[in-house]
Amino acid sequence: MPTLEFKGKQFIYSHHLSVPFRELKVVADKSLPAPGKKPSLDDNLIIHGDNLEALKALLPTHAGKIDCIFIDPPYNTGNEGWCYNDNVRSPLMKEWLKKSANPVDKEDLERHDKWLCMMWPRLNLLRELLNERGAIVVTLDDNEIHRMRGLMDEIFGEENFIATCLWQKNYSPKNTAEFFSSDHDYVLESGDITLI
């Protein structure tokens, strides 16, 4: 099977394994338990914190139990102002974390590599959370859809790819379009995951 190569992959390839476990804690005054029950981690959860650490914190209780995951990652248009910071200890990553390299903007020639480095460990942790019949759904636009498909094929298995769907976001052409007007985004889905 083909693999997607990108700058920094060798440093983040197994980063999801080294993310420290953080214990999830119930904040009683922000909880809404069922009537007559105490706040618990067994109810629906809203987790406030770094998403990479939150995913790792869910593993002890939710690994292999999730039916469906929906994610809406940064589209990496260069206008979002997202920052790469996963505490990966490597010279390349330290270089990327210099002030001049963050936030990631449209002029950053390595923004696609940074985006892939940000997504790789998260997708690996999400894979561990899915059950054997689970599915993951991802929304993106033209900026990263083809790279995300390559990542998903590599992490979830090409044989588990279900579909790329178009989601129409505009019903009329944009006045800013010079030749073509983009009126859709994409939804990728992989499922029926068989964990190795």
N, C-alpha and C. Protein backbone atom coordinates (compact mmCIF):
# COMPACT_ATOMS: atom_id res chain seq x y z
N MET A 1 0.85 -1.18 0.00
CA MET A 1 0.00 0.00 0.00
C MET A 1 0.89 1.24 0.00
N PRO A 2 0.56 2.23 -0.81
CA PRO A 2 1.33 3.47 -0.80
C PRO A 2 1.19 4.18 0.55
N THR A 3 2.22 4.91 0.93
CA THR A 3 2.17 5.69 2.16
C THR A 3 2.40 7.15 1.82
N LEU A 4 1.93 8.01 2.66
CA LEU A 4 2.08 9.44 2.49
C LEU A 4 3.32 9.89 3.25
N GLU A 5 4.26 10.47 2.56
CA GLU A 5 5.48 10.97 3.21
C GLU A 5 5.39 12.49 3.35
N PHE A 6 5.81 12.99 4.50
CA PHE A 6 5.81 14.43 4.73
C PHE A 6 6.90 14.77 5.73
N LYS A 7 7.36 15.99 5.68
CA LYS A 7 8.44 16.45 6.55
C LYS A 7 7.98 16.37 8.01
N GLY A 8 8.75 15.68 8.82
CA GLY A 8 8.43 15.53 10.24
C GLY A 8 7.77 14.21 10.59
N LYS A 9 7.38 13.42 9.60
CA LYS A 9 6.66 12.17 9.90
C LYS A 9 7.48 11.24 10.78
N GLN A 10 8.78 11.16 10.53
CA GLN A 10 9.60 10.24 11.33
C GLN A 10 9.62 10.64 12.81
N PHE A 11 9.38 11.94 13.09
CA PHE A 11 9.40 12.38 14.48
C PHE A 11 8.05 12.18 15.18
N ILE A 12 6.97 12.18 14.42
CA ILE A 12 5.65 12.07 15.03
C ILE A 12 5.01 10.71 14.79
N TYR A 13 5.70 9.82 14.10
CA TYR A 13 5.13 8.52 13.72
C TYR A 13 4.52 7.78 14.91
N SER A 14 5.21 7.79 16.04
CA SER A 14 4.68 7.09 17.22
C SER A 14 4.44 8.06 18.38
N HIS A 15 4.27 9.34 18.06
CA HIS A 15 4.07 10.35 19.11
C HIS A 15 2.84 10.07 19.96
N HIS A 16 1.79 9.51 19.37
CA HIS A 16 0.57 9.23 20.13
C HIS A 16 0.85 8.27 21.29
N LEU A 17 1.89 7.46 21.18
CA LEU A 17 2.23 6.54 22.25
C LEU A 17 2.89 7.25 23.43
N SER A 18 3.57 8.36 23.15
CA SER A 18 4.30 9.06 24.21
C SER A 18 3.52 10.21 24.84
N VAL A 19 2.32 10.49 24.35
CA VAL A 19 1.49 11.53 24.96
C VAL A 19 1.16 11.07 26.37
N PRO A 20 1.40 11.90 27.38
CA PRO A 20 1.16 11.46 28.76
C PRO A 20 -0.33 11.27 29.04
N PHE A 21 -0.63 10.27 29.88
CA PHE A 21 -2.01 10.08 30.31
C PHE A 21 -2.37 11.15 31.32
N ARG A 22 -3.49 11.78 31.13
CA ARG A 22 -4.04 12.73 32.09
C ARG A 22 -5.37 12.15 32.54
N GLU A 23 -5.60 12.18 33.81
CA GLU A 23 -6.85 11.63 34.34
C GLU A 23 -7.98 12.62 34.10
N LEU A 24 -9.10 12.12 33.60
CA LEU A 24 -10.28 12.96 33.46
C LEU A 24 -10.88 13.19 34.84
N LYS A 25 -11.24 14.43 35.12
CA LYS A 25 -11.81 14.76 36.42
C LYS A 25 -13.16 15.42 36.23
N VAL A 26 -14.11 15.03 37.05
CA VAL A 26 -15.44 15.62 37.01
C VAL A 26 -15.39 16.97 37.71
N VAL A 27 -15.94 17.98 37.08
CA VAL A 27 -16.09 19.30 37.69
C VAL A 27 -17.57 19.42 38.04
N ALA A 28 -17.87 19.19 39.31
CA ALA A 28 -19.27 19.07 39.75
C ALA A 28 -20.10 20.31 39.42
N ASP A 29 -19.55 21.50 39.61
CA ASP A 29 -20.35 22.71 39.38
C ASP A 29 -20.58 22.99 37.89
N LYS A 30 -19.91 22.27 37.01
CA LYS A 30 -20.13 22.42 35.58
C LYS A 30 -20.83 21.20 34.98
N SER A 31 -21.21 20.26 35.84
CA SER A 31 -21.84 19.02 35.39
C SER A 31 -23.35 19.13 35.44
N LEU A 32 -23.99 18.33 34.63
CA LEU A 32 -25.45 18.25 34.61
C LEU A 32 -25.83 16.78 34.66
N PRO A 33 -25.76 16.20 35.87
CA PRO A 33 -26.07 14.76 35.98
C PRO A 33 -27.56 14.49 35.81
N ALA A 34 -27.87 13.24 35.58
CA ALA A 34 -29.27 12.82 35.51
C ALA A 34 -29.92 13.09 36.86
N PRO A 35 -31.21 13.37 36.88
CA PRO A 35 -31.89 13.64 38.16
C PRO A 35 -31.65 12.54 39.17
N GLY A 36 -31.26 12.95 40.38
CA GLY A 36 -31.02 12.01 41.47
C GLY A 36 -29.67 11.33 41.43
N LYS A 37 -28.81 11.67 40.47
CA LYS A 37 -27.48 11.04 40.36
C LYS A 37 -26.40 12.08 40.59
N LYS A 38 -25.23 11.59 40.98
CA LYS A 38 -24.06 12.46 41.16
C LYS A 38 -23.34 12.62 39.82
N PRO A 39 -22.62 13.72 39.64
CA PRO A 39 -21.84 13.88 38.41
C PRO A 39 -20.85 12.71 38.26
N SER A 40 -20.73 12.23 37.04
CA SER A 40 -19.91 11.04 36.80
C SER A 40 -19.29 11.09 35.42
N LEU A 41 -18.20 10.36 35.25
CA LEU A 41 -17.57 10.23 33.94
C LEU A 41 -18.34 9.23 33.07
N ASP A 42 -19.36 8.58 33.64
CA ASP A 42 -20.16 7.63 32.88
C ASP A 42 -21.25 8.30 32.05
N ASP A 43 -21.48 9.58 32.30
CA ASP A 43 -22.50 10.31 31.54
C ASP A 43 -21.88 10.88 30.27
N ASN A 44 -22.67 11.66 29.55
CA ASN A 44 -22.14 12.38 28.40
C ASN A 44 -21.04 13.31 28.89
N LEU A 45 -20.00 13.47 28.08
CA LEU A 45 -18.85 14.24 28.52
C LEU A 45 -18.59 15.44 27.62
N ILE A 46 -18.23 16.54 28.25
CA ILE A 46 -17.62 17.66 27.56
C ILE A 46 -16.26 17.79 28.20
N ILE A 47 -15.22 17.68 27.40
CA ILE A 47 -13.86 17.70 27.93
C ILE A 47 -13.22 19.01 27.53
N HIS A 48 -12.73 19.73 28.52
CA HIS A 48 -12.04 20.99 28.27
C HIS A 48 -10.55 20.75 28.43
N GLY A 49 -9.78 20.99 27.36
CA GLY A 49 -8.35 20.80 27.44
C GLY A 49 -7.76 20.53 26.07
N ASP A 50 -6.47 20.26 26.03
CA ASP A 50 -5.78 19.95 24.78
C ASP A 50 -6.38 18.68 24.19
N ASN A 51 -6.76 18.72 22.91
CA ASN A 51 -7.47 17.57 22.34
C ASN A 51 -6.60 16.32 22.24
N LEU A 52 -5.31 16.47 22.06
CA LEU A 52 -4.43 15.30 22.01
C LEU A 52 -4.40 14.60 23.37
N GLU A 53 -4.29 15.38 24.44
CA GLU A 53 -4.30 14.81 25.78
C GLU A 53 -5.68 14.27 26.15
N ALA A 54 -6.73 14.93 25.67
CA ALA A 54 -8.09 14.46 25.95
C ALA A 54 -8.34 13.11 25.29
N LEU A 55 -7.88 12.95 24.05
CA LEU A 55 -8.05 11.66 23.37
C LEU A 55 -7.33 10.55 24.12
N LYS A 56 -6.11 10.85 24.57
CA LYS A 56 -5.34 9.85 25.31
C LYS A 56 -6.02 9.53 26.64
N ALA A 57 -6.62 10.54 27.29
CA ALA A 57 -7.29 10.33 28.57
C ALA A 57 -8.53 9.45 28.42
N LEU A 58 -9.12 9.43 27.24
CA LEU A 58 -10.31 8.60 27.00
C LEU A 58 -9.98 7.13 26.78
N LEU A 59 -8.74 6.81 26.43
CA LEU A 59 -8.39 5.43 26.10
C LEU A 59 -8.70 4.40 27.19
N PRO A 60 -8.36 4.66 28.47
CA PRO A 60 -8.62 3.61 29.48
C PRO A 60 -10.09 3.21 29.58
N THR A 61 -10.99 4.14 29.35
CA THR A 61 -12.41 3.84 29.53
C THR A 61 -13.17 3.65 28.21
N HIS A 62 -12.63 4.18 27.10
CA HIS A 62 -13.40 4.17 25.85
C HIS A 62 -12.72 3.45 24.68
N ALA A 63 -11.54 2.92 24.87
CA ALA A 63 -10.84 2.24 23.76
C ALA A 63 -11.70 1.11 23.20
N GLY A 64 -11.87 1.13 21.88
CA GLY A 64 -12.63 0.09 21.22
C GLY A 64 -14.13 0.12 21.46
N LYS A 65 -14.65 1.22 21.99
CA LYS A 65 -16.07 1.28 22.34
C LYS A 65 -16.87 2.32 21.54
N ILE A 66 -16.21 3.14 20.78
CA ILE A 66 -16.89 4.24 20.09
C ILE A 66 -17.42 3.77 18.74
N ASP A 67 -18.69 4.07 18.48
CA ASP A 67 -19.34 3.68 17.22
C ASP A 67 -19.05 4.65 16.08
N CYS A 68 -19.07 5.95 16.39
CA CYS A 68 -18.93 6.95 15.34
C CYS A 68 -18.18 8.17 15.86
N ILE A 69 -17.24 8.63 15.07
CA ILE A 69 -16.47 9.83 15.41
C ILE A 69 -16.64 10.81 14.27
N PHE A 70 -16.96 12.06 14.61
CA PHE A 70 -17.04 13.14 13.63
C PHE A 70 -16.01 14.19 14.01
N ILE A 71 -15.12 14.55 13.08
CA ILE A 71 -14.16 15.61 13.36
C ILE A 71 -14.22 16.67 12.27
N ASP A 72 -13.94 17.89 12.67
CA ASP A 72 -13.92 19.04 11.78
C ASP A 72 -12.61 19.77 12.05
N PRO A 73 -11.48 19.21 11.54
CA PRO A 73 -10.17 19.80 11.84
C PRO A 73 -9.97 21.13 11.12
N PRO A 74 -8.91 21.87 11.47
CA PRO A 74 -8.62 23.10 10.73
C PRO A 74 -8.48 22.77 9.24
N TYR A 75 -9.06 23.61 8.40
CA TYR A 75 -9.00 23.37 6.96
C TYR A 75 -7.64 23.75 6.38
N ASN A 76 -6.82 24.41 7.15
CA ASN A 76 -5.47 24.82 6.76
C ASN A 76 -5.49 25.73 5.52
N THR A 77 -6.37 26.71 5.58
CA THR A 77 -6.46 27.68 4.50
C THR A 77 -5.35 28.72 4.58
N GLY A 78 -4.71 28.79 5.75
CA GLY A 78 -3.70 29.82 5.97
C GLY A 78 -4.29 31.04 6.65
N ASN A 79 -5.58 31.02 6.89
CA ASN A 79 -6.25 32.17 7.52
C ASN A 79 -6.77 31.87 8.92
N GLU A 80 -6.59 30.63 9.40
CA GLU A 80 -7.17 30.25 10.69
C GLU A 80 -6.34 30.67 11.89
N GLY A 81 -5.04 30.81 11.70
CA GLY A 81 -4.17 31.17 12.81
C GLY A 81 -3.92 30.04 13.78
N TRP A 82 -4.01 28.78 13.34
CA TRP A 82 -3.74 27.66 14.25
C TRP A 82 -2.23 27.53 14.45
N CYS A 83 -1.85 27.02 15.61
CA CYS A 83 -0.44 26.88 15.97
C CYS A 83 -0.09 25.40 16.09
N TYR A 84 1.06 25.03 15.56
CA TYR A 84 1.53 23.67 15.75
C TYR A 84 2.27 23.60 17.07
N ASN A 85 1.81 22.73 17.97
CA ASN A 85 2.49 22.55 19.24
C ASN A 85 2.05 21.24 19.87
N ASP A 86 2.80 20.17 19.58
CA ASP A 86 2.49 18.87 20.17
C ASP A 86 3.60 18.38 21.09
N ASN A 87 4.52 19.26 21.46
CA ASN A 87 5.60 18.92 22.38
C ASN A 87 6.43 17.74 21.90
N VAL A 88 6.58 17.60 20.58
CA VAL A 88 7.45 16.56 20.04
C VAL A 88 8.88 17.08 20.17
N ARG A 89 9.73 16.29 20.76
CA ARG A 89 11.11 16.70 21.01
C ARG A 89 12.01 16.34 19.84
N SER A 90 12.15 17.24 18.89
CA SER A 90 13.06 17.03 17.77
C SER A 90 13.52 18.39 17.28
N PRO A 91 14.69 18.46 16.67
CA PRO A 91 15.18 19.74 16.16
C PRO A 91 14.22 20.39 15.16
N LEU A 92 13.62 19.58 14.28
CA LEU A 92 12.69 20.13 13.29
C LEU A 92 11.49 20.76 13.99
N MET A 93 10.92 20.06 14.94
CA MET A 93 9.73 20.57 15.62
C MET A 93 10.06 21.82 16.42
N LYS A 94 11.22 21.84 17.05
CA LYS A 94 11.63 23.03 17.80
C LYS A 94 11.80 24.22 16.86
N GLU A 95 12.31 23.98 15.68
CA GLU A 95 12.45 25.04 14.68
C GLU A 95 11.07 25.56 14.28
N TRP A 96 10.11 24.65 14.10
CA TRP A 96 8.76 25.04 13.72
C TRP A 96 8.08 25.87 14.80
N LEU A 97 8.45 25.64 16.06
CA LEU A 97 7.77 26.31 17.16
C LEU A 97 8.33 27.70 17.46
N LYS A 98 9.34 28.11 16.71
CA LYS A 98 9.84 29.47 16.88
C LYS A 98 8.70 30.44 16.60
N LYS A 99 8.77 31.61 17.18
CA LYS A 99 7.70 32.59 17.00
C LYS A 99 7.44 32.89 15.53
N SER A 100 8.50 32.89 14.73
CA SER A 100 8.32 33.22 13.33
C SER A 100 7.55 32.13 12.57
N ALA A 101 7.43 30.93 13.17
CA ALA A 101 6.77 29.82 12.48
C ALA A 101 5.33 29.62 12.94
N ASN A 102 4.91 30.29 13.99
CA ASN A 102 3.56 30.12 14.51
C ASN A 102 2.92 31.48 14.70
N PRO A 103 1.66 31.71 14.44
CA PRO A 103 0.75 30.71 13.92
C PRO A 103 1.04 30.37 12.47
N VAL A 104 0.49 29.24 12.04
CA VAL A 104 0.68 28.78 10.67
C VAL A 104 -0.17 29.67 9.76
N ASP A 105 0.47 30.29 8.78
CA ASP A 105 -0.28 31.16 7.88
C ASP A 105 -0.08 30.76 6.42
N LYS A 106 -0.73 31.46 5.53
CA LYS A 106 -0.73 31.13 4.11
C LYS A 106 0.66 31.21 3.49
N GLU A 107 1.54 32.04 4.03
CA GLU A 107 2.90 32.21 3.48
C GLU A 107 3.85 31.12 3.96
N ASP A 108 3.44 30.31 4.91
CA ASP A 108 4.28 29.25 5.46
C ASP A 108 4.37 28.10 4.46
N LEU A 109 5.54 27.92 3.87
CA LEU A 109 5.72 26.89 2.85
C LEU A 109 5.67 25.47 3.42
N GLU A 110 5.74 25.35 4.74
CA GLU A 110 5.67 24.03 5.38
C GLU A 110 4.34 23.80 6.08
N ARG A 111 3.34 24.61 5.77
CA ARG A 111 2.07 24.51 6.49
C ARG A 111 1.37 23.16 6.28
N HIS A 112 1.53 22.57 5.10
CA HIS A 112 0.90 21.27 4.86
C HIS A 112 1.60 20.18 5.67
N ASP A 113 2.92 20.26 5.76
CA ASP A 113 3.67 19.30 6.59
C ASP A 113 3.27 19.44 8.06
N LYS A 114 3.14 20.67 8.53
CA LYS A 114 2.76 20.91 9.92
C LYS A 114 1.35 20.37 10.19
N TRP A 115 0.47 20.58 9.24
CA TRP A 115 -0.91 20.10 9.39
C TRP A 115 -0.92 18.57 9.47
N LEU A 116 -0.15 17.92 8.61
CA LEU A 116 -0.07 16.46 8.64
C LEU A 116 0.53 15.97 9.95
N CYS A 117 1.56 16.67 10.45
CA CYS A 117 2.17 16.30 11.74
C CYS A 117 1.18 16.49 12.88
N MET A 118 0.30 17.47 12.78
CA MET A 118 -0.71 17.70 13.81
C MET A 118 -1.79 16.62 13.75
N MET A 119 -2.18 16.22 12.55
CA MET A 119 -3.29 15.26 12.39
C MET A 119 -2.89 13.81 12.68
N TRP A 120 -1.66 13.43 12.33
CA TRP A 120 -1.24 12.02 12.44
C TRP A 120 -1.48 11.42 13.83
N PRO A 121 -0.95 12.02 14.92
CA PRO A 121 -1.17 11.38 16.23
C PRO A 121 -2.62 11.38 16.66
N ARG A 122 -3.38 12.40 16.28
CA ARG A 122 -4.78 12.46 16.65
C ARG A 122 -5.58 11.35 15.96
N LEU A 123 -5.32 11.14 14.68
CA LEU A 123 -6.02 10.07 13.97
C LEU A 123 -5.65 8.70 14.52
N ASN A 124 -4.41 8.51 14.93
CA ASN A 124 -4.02 7.23 15.53
C ASN A 124 -4.76 6.98 16.83
N LEU A 125 -4.91 8.02 17.66
CA LEU A 125 -5.66 7.85 18.91
C LEU A 125 -7.15 7.63 18.63
N LEU A 126 -7.69 8.33 17.65
CA LEU A 126 -9.09 8.13 17.29
C LEU A 126 -9.32 6.70 16.82
N ARG A 127 -8.38 6.16 16.09
CA ARG A 127 -8.48 4.77 15.62
C ARG A 127 -8.58 3.80 16.80
N GLU A 128 -7.81 4.07 17.84
CA GLU A 128 -7.84 3.21 19.02
C GLU A 128 -9.18 3.29 19.76
N LEU A 129 -9.87 4.42 19.63
CA LEU A 129 -11.16 4.58 20.31
C LEU A 129 -12.31 3.89 19.59
N LEU A 130 -12.20 3.72 18.27
CA LEU A 130 -13.28 3.12 17.49
C LEU A 130 -13.43 1.63 17.79
N ASN A 131 -14.69 1.17 17.79
CA ASN A 131 -14.91 -0.27 17.91
C ASN A 131 -14.72 -0.92 16.55
N GLU A 132 -14.82 -2.23 16.49
CA GLU A 132 -14.50 -2.95 15.25
C GLU A 132 -15.46 -2.66 14.11
N ARG A 133 -16.62 -2.11 14.41
CA ARG A 133 -17.59 -1.73 13.36
C ARG A 133 -17.74 -0.22 13.29
N GLY A 134 -16.84 0.52 13.92
CA GLY A 134 -16.95 1.96 14.01
C GLY A 134 -16.63 2.68 12.70
N ALA A 135 -17.01 3.95 12.66
CA ALA A 135 -16.76 4.79 11.49
C ALA A 135 -16.26 6.15 11.93
N ILE A 136 -15.42 6.77 11.11
CA ILE A 136 -14.95 8.13 11.34
C ILE A 136 -15.35 8.97 10.14
N VAL A 137 -15.85 10.16 10.43
CA VAL A 137 -16.30 11.09 9.41
C VAL A 137 -15.52 12.39 9.60
N VAL A 138 -14.97 12.92 8.50
CA VAL A 138 -14.13 14.12 8.55
C VAL A 138 -14.62 15.12 7.52
N THR A 139 -14.76 16.39 7.92
CA THR A 139 -15.11 17.43 6.96
C THR A 139 -13.88 18.28 6.67
N LEU A 140 -13.69 18.60 5.39
CA LEU A 140 -12.57 19.43 4.94
C LEU A 140 -12.94 20.12 3.64
N ASP A 141 -12.03 20.99 3.16
CA ASP A 141 -12.22 21.60 1.85
C ASP A 141 -11.06 21.19 0.95
N ASP A 142 -10.88 21.90 -0.15
CA ASP A 142 -9.86 21.54 -1.14
C ASP A 142 -8.42 21.61 -0.63
N ASN A 143 -8.15 22.35 0.44
CA ASN A 143 -6.78 22.54 0.91
C ASN A 143 -6.10 21.27 1.37
N GLU A 144 -6.81 20.40 2.06
CA GLU A 144 -6.18 19.21 2.64
C GLU A 144 -6.92 17.90 2.38
N ILE A 145 -7.99 17.92 1.60
CA ILE A 145 -8.80 16.71 1.42
C ILE A 145 -7.98 15.54 0.89
N HIS A 146 -7.11 15.79 -0.09
CA HIS A 146 -6.33 14.69 -0.68
C HIS A 146 -5.27 14.19 0.29
N ARG A 147 -4.72 15.06 1.12
CA ARG A 147 -3.75 14.61 2.12
C ARG A 147 -4.45 13.82 3.22
N MET A 148 -5.62 14.28 3.63
CA MET A 148 -6.38 13.55 4.66
C MET A 148 -6.77 12.16 4.16
N ARG A 149 -7.14 12.04 2.91
CA ARG A 149 -7.49 10.72 2.36
C ARG A 149 -6.28 9.80 2.45
N GLY A 150 -5.07 10.30 2.11
CA GLY A 150 -3.86 9.49 2.22
C GLY A 150 -3.59 9.08 3.66
N LEU A 151 -3.76 10.01 4.62
CA LEU A 151 -3.57 9.69 6.04
C LEU A 151 -4.57 8.63 6.49
N MET A 152 -5.82 8.82 6.13
CA MET A 152 -6.85 7.88 6.56
C MET A 152 -6.62 6.50 5.96
N ASP A 153 -6.22 6.44 4.70
CA ASP A 153 -5.92 5.14 4.08
C ASP A 153 -4.79 4.44 4.82
N GLU A 154 -3.78 5.20 5.22
CA GLU A 154 -2.63 4.61 5.91
C GLU A 154 -2.98 4.18 7.33
N ILE A 155 -3.75 4.99 8.04
CA ILE A 155 -4.04 4.71 9.45
C ILE A 155 -5.22 3.75 9.63
N PHE A 156 -6.29 3.96 8.88
CA PHE A 156 -7.50 3.14 9.04
C PHE A 156 -7.56 1.99 8.04
N GLY A 157 -6.72 2.02 7.03
CA GLY A 157 -6.71 0.97 6.01
C GLY A 157 -7.51 1.40 4.78
N GLU A 158 -6.87 1.31 3.64
CA GLU A 158 -7.51 1.69 2.38
C GLU A 158 -8.78 0.89 2.13
N GLU A 159 -8.78 -0.36 2.58
CA GLU A 159 -9.94 -1.22 2.39
C GLU A 159 -11.14 -0.78 3.22
N ASN A 160 -10.93 0.09 4.21
CA ASN A 160 -12.01 0.57 5.06
C ASN A 160 -12.59 1.90 4.59
N PHE A 161 -12.06 2.44 3.49
CA PHE A 161 -12.61 3.68 2.95
C PHE A 161 -14.04 3.44 2.49
N ILE A 162 -14.94 4.33 2.86
CA ILE A 162 -16.34 4.19 2.47
C ILE A 162 -16.69 5.15 1.34
N ALA A 163 -16.46 6.45 1.55
CA ALA A 163 -16.89 7.40 0.52
C ALA A 163 -16.29 8.78 0.75
N THR A 164 -16.22 9.54 -0.32
CA THR A 164 -15.99 10.98 -0.26
C THR A 164 -17.28 11.61 -0.75
N CYS A 165 -17.91 12.39 0.08
CA CYS A 165 -19.16 13.03 -0.27
C CYS A 165 -18.95 14.53 -0.41
N LEU A 166 -19.73 15.15 -1.26
CA LEU A 166 -19.71 16.60 -1.39
C LEU A 166 -20.82 17.18 -0.54
N TRP A 167 -20.48 18.25 0.16
CA TRP A 167 -21.46 18.97 0.97
C TRP A 167 -21.58 20.35 0.35
N GLN A 168 -22.74 20.66 -0.19
CA GLN A 168 -22.93 21.96 -0.84
C GLN A 168 -23.09 23.03 0.23
N LYS A 169 -22.16 23.98 0.25
CA LYS A 169 -22.19 25.02 1.28
C LYS A 169 -22.73 26.34 0.75
N ASN A 170 -22.71 26.54 -0.57
CA ASN A 170 -23.24 27.76 -1.18
C ASN A 170 -24.21 27.37 -2.28
N TYR A 171 -25.27 28.11 -2.41
CA TYR A 171 -26.24 27.82 -3.45
C TYR A 171 -26.15 28.80 -4.62
N SER A 172 -25.26 29.76 -4.51
CA SER A 172 -25.06 30.69 -5.63
C SER A 172 -23.57 30.98 -5.73
N PRO A 173 -23.09 31.30 -6.93
CA PRO A 173 -21.65 31.57 -7.11
C PRO A 173 -21.21 32.77 -6.26
N LYS A 174 -19.97 32.72 -5.81
CA LYS A 174 -19.41 33.83 -5.05
C LYS A 174 -19.02 34.95 -6.02
N ASN A 175 -19.23 36.17 -5.61
CA ASN A 175 -18.85 37.31 -6.44
C ASN A 175 -17.34 37.44 -6.58
N THR A 176 -16.59 36.79 -5.67
CA THR A 176 -15.13 36.89 -5.69
C THR A 176 -14.49 35.90 -6.64
N ALA A 177 -15.29 34.99 -7.21
CA ALA A 177 -14.75 33.96 -8.09
C ALA A 177 -14.35 34.56 -9.43
N GLU A 178 -13.11 34.29 -9.85
CA GLU A 178 -12.64 34.80 -11.12
C GLU A 178 -13.07 33.89 -12.27
N PHE A 179 -12.92 32.59 -12.09
CA PHE A 179 -13.31 31.63 -13.12
C PHE A 179 -14.32 30.62 -12.60
N PHE A 180 -13.98 29.96 -11.49
CA PHE A 180 -14.87 28.98 -10.89
C PHE A 180 -15.18 29.40 -9.46
N SER A 181 -16.35 29.07 -9.00
CA SER A 181 -16.74 29.38 -7.63
C SER A 181 -16.88 28.07 -6.88
N SER A 182 -16.10 27.92 -5.81
CA SER A 182 -16.18 26.71 -5.00
C SER A 182 -17.42 26.80 -4.12
N ASP A 183 -18.35 25.89 -4.33
CA ASP A 183 -19.59 25.94 -3.56
C ASP A 183 -19.77 24.70 -2.68
N HIS A 184 -18.69 23.93 -2.48
CA HIS A 184 -18.82 22.72 -1.69
C HIS A 184 -17.58 22.46 -0.83
N ASP A 185 -17.78 21.66 0.20
CA ASP A 185 -16.71 21.08 1.00
C ASP A 185 -16.86 19.57 0.88
N TYR A 186 -15.97 18.83 1.55
CA TYR A 186 -15.96 17.38 1.43
C TYR A 186 -16.23 16.72 2.78
N VAL A 187 -16.77 15.54 2.72
CA VAL A 187 -16.95 14.69 3.88
C VAL A 187 -16.32 13.35 3.52
N LEU A 188 -15.29 12.94 4.27
CA LEU A 188 -14.64 11.64 4.08
C LEU A 188 -15.15 10.69 5.15
N GLU A 189 -15.33 9.43 4.78
CA GLU A 189 -15.75 8.46 5.77
C GLU A 189 -14.99 7.16 5.58
N SER A 190 -14.48 6.64 6.67
CA SER A 190 -13.89 5.31 6.72
C SER A 190 -14.60 4.56 7.82
N GLY A 191 -14.75 3.27 7.66
CA GLY A 191 -15.46 2.52 8.68
C GLY A 191 -15.21 1.04 8.61
N ASP A 192 -15.95 0.31 9.43
CA ASP A 192 -15.80 -1.13 9.52
C ASP A 192 -14.36 -1.47 9.85
N ILE A 193 -13.81 -0.72 10.78
CA ILE A 193 -12.40 -0.81 11.13
C ILE A 193 -12.09 -2.16 11.78
N THR A 194 -11.05 -2.81 11.31
CA THR A 194 -10.55 -4.01 11.96
C THR A 194 -9.24 -3.64 12.62
N LEU A 195 -9.22 -3.61 13.92
CA LEU A 195 -8.01 -3.21 14.64
C LEU A 195 -7.02 -4.36 14.64
N ILE A 196 -5.76 -4.02 14.46
CA ILE A 196 -4.69 -5.03 14.40
C ILE A 196 -4.10 -5.22 15.78
